[in-house]
C-alpha atoms as a PDB file:
ATOM      1  CA  UNK A   1      30.444   4.993 -32.769  1.00  0.00           C
ATOM      2  CA  UNK A   2      28.759   8.345 -32.452  1.00  0.00           C
ATOM      3  CA  UNK A   3      28.125  10.743 -35.277  1.00  0.00           C
ATOM      4  CA  UNK A   4      30.732  13.139 -33.858  1.00  0.00           C
ATOM      5  CA  UNK A   5      33.337  10.354 -33.883  1.00  0.00           C
ATOM      6  CA  UNK A   6      32.469   9.428 -37.464  1.00  0.00           C
ATOM      7  CA  UNK A   7      32.841  13.071 -38.528  1.00  0.00           C
ATOM      8  CA  UNK A   8      36.191  13.367 -36.716  1.00  0.00           C
ATOM      9  CA  UNK A   9      37.491  10.217 -38.410  1.00  0.00           C
ATOM     10  CA  UNK A  10      36.309  11.428 -41.815  1.00  0.00           C
ATOM     11  CA  UNK A  11      38.113  14.760 -41.290  1.00  0.00           C
ATOM     12  CA  UNK A  12      41.323  12.895 -40.422  1.00  0.00           C
ATOM     13  CA  UNK A  13      41.068  10.833 -43.616  1.00  0.00           C
ATOM     14  CA  UNK A  14      40.374  13.943 -45.701  1.00  0.00           C
ATOM     15  CA  UNK A  15      43.380  15.717 -44.176  1.00  0.00           C
ATOM     16  CA  UNK A  16      45.596  12.716 -44.913  1.00  0.00           C
ATOM     17  CA  UNK A  17      44.395  12.567 -48.520  1.00  0.00           C
ATOM     18  CA  UNK A  18      45.010  16.304 -48.961  1.00  0.00           C
ATOM     19  CA  UNK A  19      48.574  15.865 -47.654  1.00  0.00           C
ATOM     20  CA  UNK A  20      49.147  12.997 -50.087  1.00  0.00           C
ATOM     21  CA  UNK A  21      47.788  15.015 -53.009  1.00  0.00           C
ATOM     22  CA  UNK A  22      50.040  17.938 -52.072  1.00  0.00           C
ATOM     23  CA  UNK A  23      53.032  15.596 -51.787  1.00  0.00           C
ATOM     24  CA  UNK A  24      52.302  14.031 -55.166  1.00  0.00           C
ATOM     25  CA  UNK A  25      51.979  17.460 -56.773  1.00  0.00           C
ATOM     26  CA  UNK A  26      55.261  18.562 -55.187  1.00  0.00           C
ATOM     27  CA  UNK A  27      57.014  15.335 -56.154  1.00  0.00           C
ATOM     28  CA  UNK A  28      56.518  16.186 -59.818  1.00  0.00           C
ATOM     29  CA  UNK A  29      59.176  18.841 -59.240  1.00  0.00           C
ATOM     30  CA  UNK A  30      61.423  16.861 -56.868  1.00  0.00           C
ATOM     31  CA  UNK A  31      62.016  13.275 -57.939  1.00  0.00           C
ATOM     32  CA  UNK A  32      64.441  12.486 -55.107  1.00  0.00           C
ATOM     33  CA  UNK A  33      61.790  12.263 -52.373  1.00  0.00           C
ATOM     34  CA  UNK A  34      61.209   8.912 -50.709  1.00  0.00           C
ATOM     35  CA  UNK A  35      58.183   8.062 -48.593  1.00  0.00           C
ATOM     36  CA  UNK A  36      58.126   5.169 -46.165  1.00  0.00           C
ATOM     37  CA  UNK A  37      54.614   3.926 -45.493  1.00  0.00           C
ATOM     38  CA  UNK A  38      54.001   1.413 -42.766  1.00  0.00           C
ATOM     39  CA  UNK A  39      52.825  -1.875 -44.137  1.00  0.00           C
ATOM     40  CA  UNK A  40      50.551  -4.265 -42.279  1.00  0.00           C
ATOM     41  CA  UNK A  41      51.148  -7.878 -43.193  1.00  0.00           C
ATOM     42  CA  UNK A  42      48.721 -10.515 -42.040  1.00  0.00           C
ATOM     43  CA  UNK A  43      49.653 -14.168 -41.986  1.00  0.00           C
ATOM     44  CA  UNK A  44      46.561 -16.240 -42.649  1.00  0.00           C
ATOM     45  CA  UNK A  45      46.526 -19.994 -42.792  1.00  0.00           C
ATOM     46  CA  UNK A  46      43.753 -21.736 -44.681  1.00  0.00           C
END
């Protein structure tokens, strides 16, 4: 992975975190919001 790709991925994560922070701040005023996050479930057998 190149440095440019690492920087691009970091920017995406920062943008996502900023959106979540904004949502959480807004949700203090609107308690009826529902967020559906995709969930990855892994089945592992020992």
